[in-house]
């Protein structure tokens, strides 16, 4: 396949995928803002955790946390967390600091709960999406103008 064809294909993929990433990041940003503004914060306890390799260089980190929403039964939920937060609470395979704060929306405890200061933040997808869209668009426009010259 010709190099310019490959570039066009990548540019079209970036142009199409960009808005999906941007929308995902925007929704996450709005969700986190609502949890910050309207959320209820309770104490939680880390019951277990795992660090798993998800590719050659990538790792994912999770904590199993037990927390009790106001007026409800205790819930055990798995939270994806940042590597810094994971390492600050563990040493080798031992949990060194099990106390966490969990914030959630009363209307949707299961799906809105986050660990304060530790949950993964995917709002970066907003910028990645905008950047991908812009790069794809600029690349295609430059290729079109170069062909006309």
N, C-alpha and C. Protein backbone atom coordinates (compact mmCIF):
# COMPACT_ATOMS: atom_id res chain seq x y z
N UNK A 1 0.84 -1.17 0.00
CA UNK A 1 0.00 0.00 0.00
C UNK A 1 0.89 1.24 0.00
N UNK A 2 0.52 2.21 -0.77
CA UNK A 2 1.28 3.45 -0.90
C UNK A 2 1.25 4.25 0.40
N UNK A 3 2.34 4.94 0.68
CA UNK A 3 2.48 5.70 1.92
C UNK A 3 1.37 6.75 2.07
N UNK A 4 1.05 7.46 0.99
CA UNK A 4 0.02 8.50 1.08
C UNK A 4 -1.36 7.90 1.37
N UNK A 5 -1.60 6.71 0.87
CA UNK A 5 -2.87 6.02 1.15
C UNK A 5 -2.95 5.65 2.62
N UNK A 6 -1.85 5.18 3.17
CA UNK A 6 -1.81 4.84 4.58
C UNK A 6 -2.07 6.08 5.45
N UNK A 7 -1.47 7.19 5.07
CA UNK A 7 -1.66 8.44 5.82
C UNK A 7 -3.12 8.87 5.75
N UNK A 8 -3.74 8.75 4.59
CA UNK A 8 -5.15 9.11 4.44
C UNK A 8 -6.04 8.24 5.31
N UNK A 9 -5.75 6.95 5.35
CA UNK A 9 -6.55 6.04 6.16
C UNK A 9 -6.45 6.40 7.64
N UNK A 10 -5.23 6.66 8.11
CA UNK A 10 -5.03 7.04 9.51
C UNK A 10 -5.73 8.37 9.80
N UNK A 11 -5.65 9.31 8.87
CA UNK A 11 -6.28 10.61 9.06
C UNK A 11 -7.80 10.48 9.14
N UNK A 12 -8.38 9.63 8.30
CA UNK A 12 -9.83 9.42 8.32
C UNK A 12 -10.25 8.76 9.63
N UNK A 13 -9.47 7.79 10.08
CA UNK A 13 -9.78 7.13 11.36
C UNK A 13 -9.72 8.14 12.50
N UNK A 14 -8.69 9.00 12.51
CA UNK A 14 -8.57 10.03 13.54
C UNK A 14 -9.74 11.01 13.47
N UNK A 15 -10.12 11.36 12.25
CA UNK A 15 -11.23 12.29 12.04
C UNK A 15 -12.55 11.71 12.56
N UNK A 16 -12.75 10.42 12.36
CA UNK A 16 -13.99 9.77 12.80
C UNK A 16 -13.98 9.41 14.29
N UNK A 17 -12.82 8.97 14.79
CA UNK A 17 -12.74 8.54 16.18
C UNK A 17 -12.67 9.72 17.15
N UNK A 18 -12.12 10.84 16.69
CA UNK A 18 -11.97 12.01 17.55
C UNK A 18 -13.23 12.43 18.28
N UNK A 19 -14.35 12.60 17.55
CA UNK A 19 -15.58 13.03 18.23
C UNK A 19 -16.06 12.02 19.29
N UNK A 20 -15.84 10.73 19.07
CA UNK A 20 -16.25 9.74 20.07
C UNK A 20 -15.43 9.89 21.35
N UNK A 21 -14.11 10.06 21.21
CA UNK A 21 -13.27 10.27 22.38
C UNK A 21 -13.65 11.57 23.09
N UNK A 22 -13.87 12.62 22.31
CA UNK A 22 -14.22 13.91 22.89
C UNK A 22 -15.54 13.82 23.67
N UNK A 23 -16.52 13.16 23.09
CA UNK A 23 -17.82 13.02 23.75
C UNK A 23 -17.68 12.22 25.05
N UNK A 24 -16.89 11.14 25.01
CA UNK A 24 -16.65 10.34 26.20
C UNK A 24 -16.00 11.18 27.30
N UNK A 25 -14.98 11.95 26.93
CA UNK A 25 -14.30 12.79 27.90
C UNK A 25 -15.20 13.88 28.46
N UNK A 26 -16.04 14.46 27.60
CA UNK A 26 -16.97 15.50 28.03
C UNK A 26 -17.98 14.93 29.03
N UNK A 27 -18.54 13.76 28.72
CA UNK A 27 -19.51 13.14 29.63
C UNK A 27 -18.87 12.83 30.98
N UNK A 28 -17.63 12.33 30.96
CA UNK A 28 -16.94 12.02 32.21
C UNK A 28 -16.69 13.31 33.01
N UNK A 29 -16.32 14.37 32.33
CA UNK A 29 -16.09 15.66 32.99
C UNK A 29 -17.37 16.14 33.66
N UNK A 30 -18.49 16.05 32.97
CA UNK A 30 -19.79 16.46 33.53
C UNK A 30 -20.18 15.58 34.71
N UNK A 31 -19.96 14.28 34.59
CA UNK A 31 -20.30 13.34 35.66
C UNK A 31 -19.50 13.65 36.92
N UNK A 32 -18.19 13.86 36.75
CA UNK A 32 -17.35 14.16 37.91
C UNK A 32 -17.71 15.51 38.54
N UNK A 33 -18.07 16.49 37.71
CA UNK A 33 -18.49 17.78 38.25
C UNK A 33 -19.77 17.64 39.08
N UNK A 34 -20.69 16.82 38.61
CA UNK A 34 -21.94 16.60 39.34
C UNK A 34 -21.67 15.86 40.66
N UNK A 35 -20.78 14.87 40.63
CA UNK A 35 -20.44 14.14 41.86
C UNK A 35 -19.76 15.09 42.84
N UNK A 36 -18.88 15.96 42.34
CA UNK A 36 -18.19 16.93 43.21
C UNK A 36 -19.19 17.89 43.85
N UNK A 37 -20.17 18.34 43.06
CA UNK A 37 -21.13 19.34 43.54
C UNK A 37 -22.22 18.74 44.43
N UNK A 38 -22.79 17.61 44.02
CA UNK A 38 -23.95 17.05 44.70
C UNK A 38 -23.67 15.77 45.48
N UNK A 39 -22.45 15.27 45.39
CA UNK A 39 -22.13 13.97 45.97
C UNK A 39 -22.12 13.93 47.49
N UNK A 40 -22.31 12.73 47.98
CA UNK A 40 -22.26 12.44 49.41
C UNK A 40 -20.97 11.68 49.67
N UNK A 41 -20.22 12.10 50.66
CA UNK A 41 -18.94 11.47 50.97
C UNK A 41 -19.06 10.63 52.23
N UNK A 42 -18.63 9.37 52.14
CA UNK A 42 -18.64 8.45 53.28
C UNK A 42 -17.28 7.77 53.38
N UNK A 43 -17.04 7.15 54.53
CA UNK A 43 -15.81 6.40 54.72
C UNK A 43 -15.92 5.04 54.03
N UNK A 44 -14.80 4.58 53.54
CA UNK A 44 -14.73 3.26 52.94
C UNK A 44 -13.47 2.55 53.40
N UNK A 45 -13.45 1.23 53.19
CA UNK A 45 -12.30 0.44 53.59
C UNK A 45 -11.86 -0.44 52.43
N UNK A 46 -10.57 -0.39 52.13
CA UNK A 46 -10.02 -1.24 51.07
C UNK A 46 -9.94 -2.67 51.60
N UNK A 47 -10.59 -3.58 50.91
CA UNK A 47 -10.60 -4.99 51.31
C UNK A 47 -9.61 -5.82 50.51
N UNK A 48 -9.23 -5.33 49.34
CA UNK A 48 -8.28 -6.06 48.50
C UNK A 48 -7.91 -5.20 47.31
N UNK A 49 -6.90 -5.64 46.61
CA UNK A 49 -6.47 -4.88 45.45
C UNK A 49 -5.70 -5.76 44.49
N UNK A 50 -5.59 -5.27 43.26
CA UNK A 50 -4.87 -6.03 42.25
C UNK A 50 -4.20 -5.07 41.27
N UNK A 51 -3.03 -5.49 40.85
CA UNK A 51 -2.30 -4.78 39.81
C UNK A 51 -2.14 -5.77 38.67
N UNK A 52 -2.69 -5.43 37.50
CA UNK A 52 -2.66 -6.37 36.38
C UNK A 52 -2.02 -5.73 35.17
N UNK A 53 -1.21 -6.51 34.48
CA UNK A 53 -0.60 -6.04 33.25
C UNK A 53 -1.64 -6.15 32.13
N UNK A 54 -1.81 -5.05 31.40
CA UNK A 54 -2.78 -5.06 30.30
C UNK A 54 -2.08 -4.63 29.01
N UNK A 55 -1.05 -5.34 28.67
CA UNK A 55 -0.24 -5.02 27.49
C UNK A 55 1.22 -5.11 27.89
N UNK A 56 2.10 -4.75 26.97
CA UNK A 56 3.54 -4.84 27.25
C UNK A 56 3.98 -3.84 28.31
N UNK A 57 3.47 -2.60 28.23
CA UNK A 57 3.92 -1.55 29.14
C UNK A 57 2.83 -1.07 30.09
N UNK A 58 1.61 -1.37 29.79
CA UNK A 58 0.48 -0.81 30.52
C UNK A 58 0.07 -1.70 31.70
N UNK A 59 -0.29 -1.05 32.79
CA UNK A 59 -0.80 -1.75 33.97
C UNK A 59 -2.11 -1.11 34.37
N UNK A 60 -2.98 -1.92 34.96
CA UNK A 60 -4.20 -1.37 35.55
C UNK A 60 -4.21 -1.73 37.03
N UNK A 61 -4.80 -0.86 37.81
CA UNK A 61 -4.82 -1.00 39.26
C UNK A 61 -6.26 -0.90 39.75
N UNK A 62 -6.64 -1.82 40.63
CA UNK A 62 -8.00 -1.84 41.17
C UNK A 62 -7.97 -2.10 42.67
N UNK A 63 -8.92 -1.47 43.36
CA UNK A 63 -9.14 -1.75 44.77
C UNK A 63 -10.58 -2.21 44.95
N UNK A 64 -10.77 -3.22 45.78
CA UNK A 64 -12.09 -3.64 46.23
C UNK A 64 -12.36 -2.86 47.51
N UNK A 65 -13.41 -2.04 47.49
CA UNK A 65 -13.70 -1.16 48.62
C UNK A 65 -15.10 -1.45 49.15
N UNK A 66 -15.21 -1.49 50.46
CA UNK A 66 -16.51 -1.64 51.12
C UNK A 66 -16.87 -0.28 51.70
N UNK A 67 -18.09 0.18 51.38
CA UNK A 67 -18.58 1.43 51.94
C UNK A 67 -20.08 1.30 52.16
N UNK A 68 -20.60 2.11 53.06
CA UNK A 68 -22.03 2.08 53.38
C UNK A 68 -22.65 3.42 53.03
N UNK A 69 -23.48 3.43 51.98
CA UNK A 69 -24.18 4.68 51.63
C UNK A 69 -25.14 5.06 52.74
N UNK A 70 -25.41 6.35 52.85
CA UNK A 70 -26.34 6.81 53.87
C UNK A 70 -27.69 6.13 53.69
N UNK A 71 -28.16 5.49 54.76
CA UNK A 71 -29.47 4.85 54.75
C UNK A 71 -29.54 3.58 53.93
N UNK A 72 -28.41 2.98 53.61
CA UNK A 72 -28.43 1.77 52.79
C UNK A 72 -27.51 0.70 53.33
N UNK A 73 -27.55 -0.48 52.69
CA UNK A 73 -26.66 -1.57 53.11
C UNK A 73 -25.24 -1.34 52.59
N UNK A 74 -24.30 -2.03 53.18
CA UNK A 74 -22.90 -1.94 52.75
C UNK A 74 -22.77 -2.45 51.31
N UNK A 75 -21.90 -1.82 50.56
CA UNK A 75 -21.64 -2.18 49.16
C UNK A 75 -20.16 -2.47 49.01
N UNK A 76 -19.84 -3.52 48.28
CA UNK A 76 -18.47 -3.81 47.90
C UNK A 76 -18.35 -3.55 46.41
N UNK A 77 -17.41 -2.68 46.04
CA UNK A 77 -17.27 -2.29 44.65
C UNK A 77 -15.80 -2.26 44.27
N UNK A 78 -15.53 -2.64 43.02
CA UNK A 78 -14.18 -2.58 42.49
C UNK A 78 -13.99 -1.22 41.80
N UNK A 79 -12.95 -0.51 42.20
CA UNK A 79 -12.66 0.80 41.64
C UNK A 79 -11.33 0.77 40.89
N UNK A 80 -11.30 1.19 39.63
CA UNK A 80 -10.01 1.40 38.98
C UNK A 80 -9.38 2.65 39.59
N UNK A 81 -8.11 2.57 39.96
CA UNK A 81 -7.42 3.70 40.59
C UNK A 81 -6.13 4.00 39.85
N UNK A 82 -5.56 5.16 40.15
CA UNK A 82 -4.30 5.55 39.54
C UNK A 82 -3.15 4.74 40.16
N UNK A 83 -2.06 4.66 39.44
CA UNK A 83 -0.91 3.91 39.95
C UNK A 83 -0.34 4.57 41.20
N UNK A 84 -0.31 5.91 41.24
CA UNK A 84 0.19 6.62 42.42
C UNK A 84 -0.65 6.33 43.66
N UNK A 85 -1.96 6.34 43.49
CA UNK A 85 -2.85 6.05 44.62
C UNK A 85 -2.67 4.61 45.09
N UNK A 86 -2.57 3.69 44.13
CA UNK A 86 -2.39 2.28 44.47
C UNK A 86 -1.09 2.08 45.26
N UNK A 87 0.01 2.67 44.77
CA UNK A 87 1.29 2.48 45.45
C UNK A 87 1.35 3.19 46.79
N UNK A 88 0.55 4.26 46.96
CA UNK A 88 0.54 4.95 48.25
C UNK A 88 -0.21 4.16 49.33
N UNK A 89 -1.02 3.19 48.91
CA UNK A 89 -1.82 2.42 49.86
C UNK A 89 -1.35 0.97 50.03
N UNK A 90 -0.32 0.59 49.27
CA UNK A 90 0.15 -0.79 49.33
C UNK A 90 1.67 -0.85 49.44
N UNK A 91 2.14 -1.98 49.91
CA UNK A 91 3.56 -2.30 49.89
C UNK A 91 3.67 -3.78 49.55
N UNK A 92 4.31 -4.06 48.42
CA UNK A 92 4.34 -5.41 47.87
C UNK A 92 2.91 -5.89 47.70
N UNK A 93 2.46 -6.89 48.40
CA UNK A 93 1.07 -7.35 48.22
C UNK A 93 0.21 -7.07 49.45
N UNK A 94 0.66 -6.15 50.31
CA UNK A 94 -0.05 -5.84 51.54
C UNK A 94 -0.65 -4.43 51.47
N UNK A 95 -1.88 -4.31 51.90
CA UNK A 95 -2.52 -3.00 51.98
C UNK A 95 -2.05 -2.33 53.26
N UNK A 96 -1.43 -1.17 53.12
CA UNK A 96 -0.86 -0.47 54.27
C UNK A 96 -1.78 0.61 54.83
N UNK A 97 -2.67 1.14 54.01
CA UNK A 97 -3.59 2.19 54.45
C UNK A 97 -4.97 1.90 53.86
N UNK A 98 -5.83 1.17 54.58
CA UNK A 98 -7.11 0.76 54.01
C UNK A 98 -8.21 1.83 54.03
N UNK A 99 -8.01 2.93 54.71
CA UNK A 99 -9.07 3.95 54.83
C UNK A 99 -9.12 4.83 53.59
N UNK A 100 -10.31 4.96 53.00
CA UNK A 100 -10.53 5.84 51.85
C UNK A 100 -11.84 6.59 52.04
N UNK A 101 -12.02 7.63 51.25
CA UNK A 101 -13.28 8.36 51.19
C UNK A 101 -13.93 8.02 49.86
N UNK A 102 -15.21 7.70 49.91
CA UNK A 102 -15.98 7.38 48.71
C UNK A 102 -17.05 8.45 48.55
N UNK A 103 -17.16 8.97 47.33
CA UNK A 103 -18.19 9.97 47.05
C UNK A 103 -19.11 9.41 45.97
N UNK A 104 -20.42 9.64 46.15
CA UNK A 104 -21.40 9.07 45.22
C UNK A 104 -22.62 9.99 45.14
N UNK A 105 -23.42 9.75 44.11
CA UNK A 105 -24.70 10.44 43.98
C UNK A 105 -25.78 9.55 44.59
N UNK A 106 -26.65 10.11 45.38
CA UNK A 106 -27.68 9.33 46.08
C UNK A 106 -28.59 8.59 45.09
N UNK A 107 -28.84 9.17 43.94
CA UNK A 107 -29.76 8.57 42.97
C UNK A 107 -29.17 7.35 42.27
N UNK A 108 -27.83 7.22 42.25
CA UNK A 108 -27.20 6.12 41.51
C UNK A 108 -25.88 5.74 42.18
N UNK A 109 -25.98 5.15 43.35
CA UNK A 109 -24.80 4.84 44.16
C UNK A 109 -23.82 3.94 43.41
N UNK A 110 -24.30 2.86 42.84
CA UNK A 110 -23.42 1.87 42.19
C UNK A 110 -22.61 2.46 41.04
N UNK A 111 -23.25 3.25 40.18
CA UNK A 111 -22.58 3.74 38.97
C UNK A 111 -21.88 5.08 39.14
N UNK A 112 -22.15 5.78 40.22
CA UNK A 112 -21.55 7.11 40.37
C UNK A 112 -20.41 7.14 41.38
N UNK A 113 -20.21 6.09 42.14
CA UNK A 113 -19.23 6.13 43.23
C UNK A 113 -17.81 6.24 42.69
N UNK A 114 -17.03 7.08 43.37
CA UNK A 114 -15.61 7.24 43.07
C UNK A 114 -14.84 7.26 44.38
N UNK A 115 -13.57 6.95 44.33
CA UNK A 115 -12.69 7.10 45.48
C UNK A 115 -12.11 8.51 45.39
N UNK A 116 -12.33 9.30 46.41
CA UNK A 116 -11.85 10.68 46.42
C UNK A 116 -10.32 10.67 46.34
N UNK A 117 -9.81 11.34 45.33
CA UNK A 117 -8.36 11.45 45.15
C UNK A 117 -7.68 10.23 44.57
N UNK A 118 -8.44 9.21 44.19
CA UNK A 118 -7.78 8.00 43.70
C UNK A 118 -8.36 7.39 42.45
N UNK A 119 -9.63 7.64 42.16
CA UNK A 119 -10.25 7.02 40.98
C UNK A 119 -9.61 7.55 39.70
N UNK A 120 -9.56 6.68 38.70
CA UNK A 120 -9.01 7.07 37.40
C UNK A 120 -9.88 8.15 36.78
N UNK A 121 -9.25 9.06 36.11
CA UNK A 121 -9.92 10.20 35.50
C UNK A 121 -9.74 10.11 33.98
N UNK A 122 -10.83 9.89 33.26
CA UNK A 122 -10.74 9.77 31.80
C UNK A 122 -11.19 11.04 31.09
N UNK A 123 -11.20 12.16 31.80
CA UNK A 123 -11.58 13.42 31.14
C UNK A 123 -10.54 13.83 30.10
N UNK A 124 -9.35 13.26 30.14
CA UNK A 124 -8.33 13.55 29.13
C UNK A 124 -8.82 13.17 27.74
N UNK A 125 -9.77 12.25 27.66
CA UNK A 125 -10.32 11.85 26.36
C UNK A 125 -10.92 13.03 25.61
N UNK A 126 -11.38 14.04 26.32
CA UNK A 126 -11.93 15.23 25.66
C UNK A 126 -10.84 15.87 24.80
N UNK A 127 -9.67 16.09 25.37
CA UNK A 127 -8.57 16.71 24.62
C UNK A 127 -8.00 15.77 23.57
N UNK A 128 -7.91 14.49 23.89
CA UNK A 128 -7.43 13.51 22.90
C UNK A 128 -8.36 13.49 21.69
N UNK A 129 -9.65 13.52 21.94
CA UNK A 129 -10.62 13.50 20.85
C UNK A 129 -10.54 14.74 19.98
N UNK A 130 -10.45 15.90 20.62
CA UNK A 130 -10.34 17.15 19.86
C UNK A 130 -9.04 17.16 19.05
N UNK A 131 -7.97 16.73 19.68
CA UNK A 131 -6.68 16.67 18.99
C UNK A 131 -6.68 15.70 17.82
N UNK A 132 -7.28 14.53 18.01
CA UNK A 132 -7.37 13.54 16.93
C UNK A 132 -8.18 14.07 15.76
N UNK A 133 -9.31 14.67 16.07
CA UNK A 133 -10.16 15.24 15.02
C UNK A 133 -9.41 16.32 14.25
N UNK A 134 -8.77 17.22 14.98
CA UNK A 134 -8.04 18.31 14.34
C UNK A 134 -6.88 17.79 13.49
N UNK A 135 -6.12 16.84 14.02
CA UNK A 135 -4.99 16.28 13.27
C UNK A 135 -5.47 15.58 12.00
N UNK A 136 -6.55 14.82 12.10
CA UNK A 136 -7.10 14.14 10.93
C UNK A 136 -7.58 15.13 9.89
N UNK A 137 -8.29 16.16 10.33
CA UNK A 137 -8.81 17.17 9.41
C UNK A 137 -7.68 17.94 8.72
N UNK A 138 -6.71 18.38 9.50
CA UNK A 138 -5.58 19.13 8.93
C UNK A 138 -4.80 18.27 7.95
N UNK A 139 -4.55 17.02 8.30
CA UNK A 139 -3.82 16.12 7.40
C UNK A 139 -4.56 15.94 6.08
N UNK A 140 -5.85 15.72 6.14
CA UNK A 140 -6.62 15.54 4.90
C UNK A 140 -6.65 16.82 4.07
N UNK A 141 -6.80 17.97 4.73
CA UNK A 141 -6.81 19.23 3.99
C UNK A 141 -5.46 19.51 3.33
N UNK A 142 -4.38 19.26 4.04
CA UNK A 142 -3.04 19.46 3.48
C UNK A 142 -2.84 18.53 2.28
N UNK A 143 -3.27 17.29 2.40
CA UNK A 143 -3.11 16.34 1.29
C UNK A 143 -3.94 16.77 0.08
N UNK A 144 -5.13 17.32 0.32
CA UNK A 144 -5.96 17.78 -0.78
C UNK A 144 -5.31 18.96 -1.50
N UNK A 145 -4.79 19.92 -0.74
CA UNK A 145 -4.14 21.09 -1.35
C UNK A 145 -2.85 20.71 -2.07
N UNK A 146 -2.12 19.74 -1.52
CA UNK A 146 -0.88 19.30 -2.17
C UNK A 146 -1.17 18.62 -3.49
N UNK A 147 -2.26 17.91 -3.57
CA UNK A 147 -2.61 17.20 -4.80
C UNK A 147 -3.04 18.18 -5.89
N UNK A 148 -3.69 19.27 -5.51
CA UNK A 148 -4.13 20.27 -6.48
C UNK A 148 -2.98 21.09 -7.03
N UNK A 149 -1.88 21.17 -6.29
CA UNK A 149 -0.74 21.99 -6.74
C UNK A 149 0.05 21.33 -7.84
